[in-house]
Amino acid sequence: QVQLVESGGGVVQAGGSLRLSCAASIATFSTYTVGWFRQAPGKERELVAAIRWSGSWSVHGSAYYADSVKGRFAASRDNAKNTVYLQMNSLKPEDTAVYYCAADRMGRFTASPNDYDYWGQGTQVTVSS
């Protein structure tokens, strides 16, 4: 069983930055996809970024970003620490949500939450105007 532990959420003013971390409990993550989802009150959970632990997808390359965060968010990974990060810059009030990391052991690119096998506990990000 893979456990994902998130950290790094908080309250920030518009224009500010936060970095989320997602640490995995297993030693090897080499074939997995890690997705960052968010869910705002009354809205569906949406994929904002995804990264392959190694290699790349044929269409999206090594990382995917939703249009709403492209140019502001960046996903990265630290193999030695089994940790994936989401750097969030130029935050806007509409970025306010609970953010989750999730892992798909098949290494696919998929935006469907149902395709992800493991989930972190979620971390609240609040952006004030």
Foldseek 3Di string as FASTA:
>chain_A
DKAWAKDWADEEAAQAKIKMKIAIDDLDQQQKKKWKWWDDPPDDIWTAKIAHNDFADPPQGGMDGDPVQPPFWDWDDDNVRNMIMIIGGRDDQVVWTWMKMFMQSNNDDDTDPVRTDYIYPTDTHGYHD
